[in-house]
Amino acid sequence: MVEIRRLSAAELDTFLAFMDGPAFATNPQWAGCYCQFYLNSQPAKLPESELAEANRKLACGRITSGQMRGYLAFEGDKTVGWMAANKANNFKLLPAIAEDAARILCFVVDAEHQGKGVATALLNFAISDLKDQGFSSIEAAPRLAEDFRADGYRGKLSMFLRAGFVEGSRIDDDHVLVRRELTD
């Protein structure tokens, strides 16, 4: 059974160990992001050799301050997944929306646990937890296609639709905006 915990300063070392270790075994091109891309006001213009360390430091500061939020999935004491979920307007590279809205942008699941419901467990936990935190709605932008690809880190459309999200407009040829209201 998978246990989900909200990211906090107490989980910083656990988050870093997952990101530094097994998180990107199947998608090494993502290694070094530490889910910082959308939190920055503009893409970092550092040499590739310095970018991962800069992102790691940003993640440490943002997790400690509470600016970076999300959820970790565990099987026993092993970290098996991560989902970035935050106040929508903390994602500086995306258009501003209502102050009480949340966004979900990224799923990372350990290679051995892919296809076993970890992303769904993260999403379902977040829906309840974000509502408890006072958010009125959640937005995400999953891929339209259901096949897994390297750019599929936003999750599958079918997973969001099963969780009660409503499909909105297309963002581009590959992604669609989905939204779920968190009213009683």
Protein backbone atom coordinates (compact mmCIF):
# COMPACT_ATOMS: atom_id res chain seq x y z
CA MET A 1 0.00 0.00 0.00
CA VAL A 2 1.27 3.47 -0.89
CA GLU A 3 1.43 6.17 1.77
CA ILE A 4 1.28 9.82 0.68
CA ARG A 5 2.81 12.68 2.67
CA ARG A 6 2.80 16.40 2.04
CA LEU A 7 6.24 17.85 1.28
CA SER A 8 7.65 19.80 4.22
CA ALA A 9 11.02 20.97 5.50
CA ALA A 10 11.18 17.73 7.51
CA GLU A 11 10.96 15.77 4.23
CA LEU A 12 13.68 17.80 2.47
CA ASP A 13 16.37 15.11 2.68
CA THR A 14 13.89 12.46 1.52
CA PHE A 15 12.89 14.60 -1.48
CA LEU A 16 16.53 15.25 -2.40
CA ALA A 17 17.48 11.57 -2.08
CA PHE A 18 14.63 10.64 -4.44
CA MET A 19 15.51 13.36 -6.96
CA ASP A 20 19.24 12.60 -6.77
CA GLY A 21 18.66 8.86 -7.02
CA PRO A 22 15.91 6.76 -8.57
CA ALA A 23 13.47 9.47 -9.70
CA PHE A 24 14.80 9.83 -13.22
CA ALA A 25 16.06 6.36 -14.10
CA THR A 26 13.61 6.13 -17.00
CA ASN A 27 13.82 9.83 -17.97
CA PRO A 28 17.36 11.06 -17.32
CA GLN A 29 16.71 14.25 -19.31
CA TRP A 30 14.65 15.55 -16.35
CA ALA A 31 17.36 14.96 -13.76
CA GLY A 32 18.53 18.22 -12.29
CA CYS A 33 15.22 20.10 -12.58
CA TYR A 34 14.11 19.47 -8.97
CA CYS A 35 10.71 20.83 -10.13
CA GLN A 36 12.07 24.38 -10.28
CA PHE A 37 11.38 25.30 -13.91
CA TYR A 38 7.84 26.65 -13.48
CA LEU A 39 8.62 28.26 -10.10
CA ASN A 40 11.18 30.57 -11.70
CA SER A 41 10.09 33.87 -13.23
CA GLN A 42 12.15 33.05 -16.33
CA PRO A 43 14.12 30.02 -17.50
CA ALA A 44 17.57 29.83 -15.96
CA LYS A 45 20.36 30.69 -18.39
CA LEU A 46 23.17 28.74 -16.79
CA PRO A 47 25.52 26.26 -18.39
CA GLU A 48 24.10 22.74 -18.18
CA SER A 49 26.94 21.80 -15.82
CA GLU A 50 25.74 24.38 -13.25
CA LEU A 51 21.97 24.17 -13.71
CA ALA A 52 21.30 21.06 -11.61
CA GLU A 53 23.18 22.41 -8.58
CA ALA A 54 21.44 25.79 -8.89
CA ASN A 55 18.03 24.07 -9.08
CA ARG A 56 18.90 21.87 -6.10
CA LYS A 57 19.77 24.93 -4.01
CA LEU A 58 16.57 26.69 -5.09
CA ALA A 59 14.54 23.61 -4.14
CA CYS A 60 16.15 23.50 -0.70
CA GLY A 61 15.32 27.14 0.00
CA ARG A 62 11.81 26.91 -1.44
CA ILE A 63 10.94 23.73 0.46
CA THR A 64 12.27 25.17 3.71
CA SER A 65 10.29 28.41 3.24
CA GLY A 66 7.12 26.59 2.15
CA GLN A 67 7.09 28.18 -1.31
CA MET A 68 7.60 24.80 -3.00
CA ARG A 69 4.84 22.32 -2.29
CA GLY A 70 3.84 18.87 -3.37
CA TYR A 71 3.49 15.29 -2.22
CA LEU A 72 5.76 12.28 -1.79
CA ALA A 73 4.61 8.67 -2.16
CA PHE A 74 6.14 5.88 -0.08
CA GLU A 75 6.01 2.12 -0.10
CA GLY A 76 7.28 1.22 3.34
CA ASP A 77 10.33 3.42 3.86
CA LYS A 78 11.09 3.69 0.13
CA THR A 79 10.17 6.88 -1.74
CA VAL A 80 8.39 5.84 -4.93
CA GLY A 81 6.81 9.02 -6.27
CA TRP A 82 6.54 12.80 -6.31
CA MET A 83 3.87 15.21 -7.46
CA ALA A 84 4.31 19.00 -7.64
CA ALA A 85 1.12 20.70 -6.42
CA ASN A 86 1.20 24.29 -5.34
CA LYS A 87 -0.63 27.57 -5.13
CA ALA A 88 -1.29 28.27 -8.81
CA ASN A 89 0.34 31.69 -8.83
CA ASN A 90 3.57 30.34 -7.32
CA PHE A 91 4.24 28.89 -10.77
CA LYS A 92 5.62 32.13 -12.19
CA LEU A 93 6.01 30.88 -15.77
CA LEU A 94 2.26 30.27 -16.09
CA PRO A 95 -0.55 32.83 -16.40
CA ALA A 96 -1.93 34.16 -13.12
CA ILE A 97 -5.35 32.94 -12.01
CA ALA A 98 -7.47 33.17 -8.84
CA GLU A 99 -5.44 33.42 -5.64
CA ASP A 100 -7.25 30.46 -4.09
CA ALA A 101 -6.51 28.09 -6.99
CA ALA A 102 -3.93 25.29 -7.00
CA ARG A 103 -2.05 23.72 -9.90
CA ILE A 104 -0.60 20.27 -10.40
CA LEU A 105 2.31 20.20 -12.83
CA CYS A 106 4.58 17.23 -12.43
CA PHE A 107 4.53 13.54 -11.57
CA VAL A 108 7.67 11.46 -11.11
CA VAL A 109 7.29 7.77 -10.28
CA ASP A 110 10.11 5.32 -9.57
CA ALA A 111 10.65 2.96 -12.54
CA GLU A 112 9.64 -0.14 -10.55
CA HIS A 113 6.35 1.47 -9.54
CA GLN A 114 5.20 2.97 -12.83
CA GLY A 115 1.79 1.73 -13.95
CA LYS A 116 0.85 0.62 -10.41
CA GLY A 117 -1.41 3.52 -9.39
CA VAL A 118 1.15 5.73 -7.63
CA ALA A 119 0.29 8.83 -9.66
CA THR A 120 -3.43 8.21 -9.08
CA ALA A 121 -2.84 7.84 -5.33
CA LEU A 122 -0.88 11.12 -5.31
CA LEU A 123 -3.63 12.90 -7.23
CA ASN A 124 -6.46 11.59 -5.05
CA PHE A 125 -4.64 12.50 -1.85
CA ALA A 126 -3.89 15.99 -3.18
CA ILE A 127 -7.51 16.67 -4.10
CA SER A 128 -8.58 16.14 -0.50
CA ASP A 129 -5.55 17.84 1.04
CA LEU A 130 -5.70 20.91 -1.19
CA LYS A 131 -9.37 21.33 -0.33
CA ASP A 132 -8.47 21.08 3.39
CA GLN A 133 -5.87 23.81 2.83
CA GLY A 134 -8.58 26.15 1.53
CA PHE A 135 -8.04 25.98 -2.22
CA SER A 136 -11.23 26.41 -4.27
CA SER A 137 -10.07 24.67 -7.45
CA ILE A 138 -7.22 22.74 -9.07
CA GLU A 139 -5.87 23.09 -12.61
CA ALA A 140 -3.56 20.80 -14.52
CA ALA A 141 -2.45 20.38 -18.13
CA PRO A 142 -2.08 16.66 -18.93
CA ARG A 143 -1.18 15.16 -22.28
CA LEU A 144 -4.01 14.32 -24.62
CA ALA A 145 -2.42 11.02 -25.70
CA GLU A 146 -2.46 8.11 -23.27
CA ASP A 147 0.83 6.53 -24.34
CA PHE A 148 3.82 7.23 -22.13
CA ARG A 149 6.41 9.60 -23.55
CA ALA A 150 9.29 11.52 -22.11
CA ASP A 151 7.16 14.67 -21.97
CA GLY A 152 4.36 12.88 -20.11
CA TYR A 153 5.38 14.19 -16.70
CA ARG A 154 2.11 16.14 -16.43
CA GLY A 155 0.06 12.97 -16.07
CA LYS A 156 -2.55 11.28 -18.23
CA LEU A 157 -5.82 12.96 -19.16
CA SER A 158 -7.80 9.82 -18.27
CA MET A 159 -6.46 9.89 -14.71
CA PHE A 160 -7.67 13.46 -14.22
CA LEU A 161 -11.06 12.78 -15.79
CA ARG A 162 -11.57 9.75 -13.49
CA ALA A 163 -10.81 12.07 -10.55
CA GLY A 164 -13.60 14.47 -11.50
CA PHE A 165 -11.67 17.04 -13.51
CA VAL A 166 -13.44 18.68 -16.44
CA GLU A 167 -11.66 19.03 -19.77
CA GLY A 168 -11.19 22.59 -21.00
CA SER A 169 -9.33 24.19 -23.86
CA ARG A 170 -6.26 22.83 -25.57
CA ILE A 171 -3.02 24.48 -24.60
CA ASP A 172 -1.13 23.15 -27.61
CA ASP A 173 -1.27 20.10 -29.88
CA ASP A 174 -0.32 17.76 -27.02
CA HIS A 175 -1.88 19.20 -23.83
CA VAL A 176 -5.30 20.18 -22.56
CA LEU A 177 -6.32 22.25 -19.56
CA VAL A 178 -8.36 20.40 -16.93
CA ARG A 179 -10.01 21.84 -13.84
CA ARG A 180 -11.74 20.55 -10.75
CA GLU A 181 -13.75 22.68 -8.37
CA LEU A 182 -13.22 21.84 -4.70
CA THR A 183 -16.62 22.81 -3.39
CA ASP A 184 -18.63 20.68 -0.98
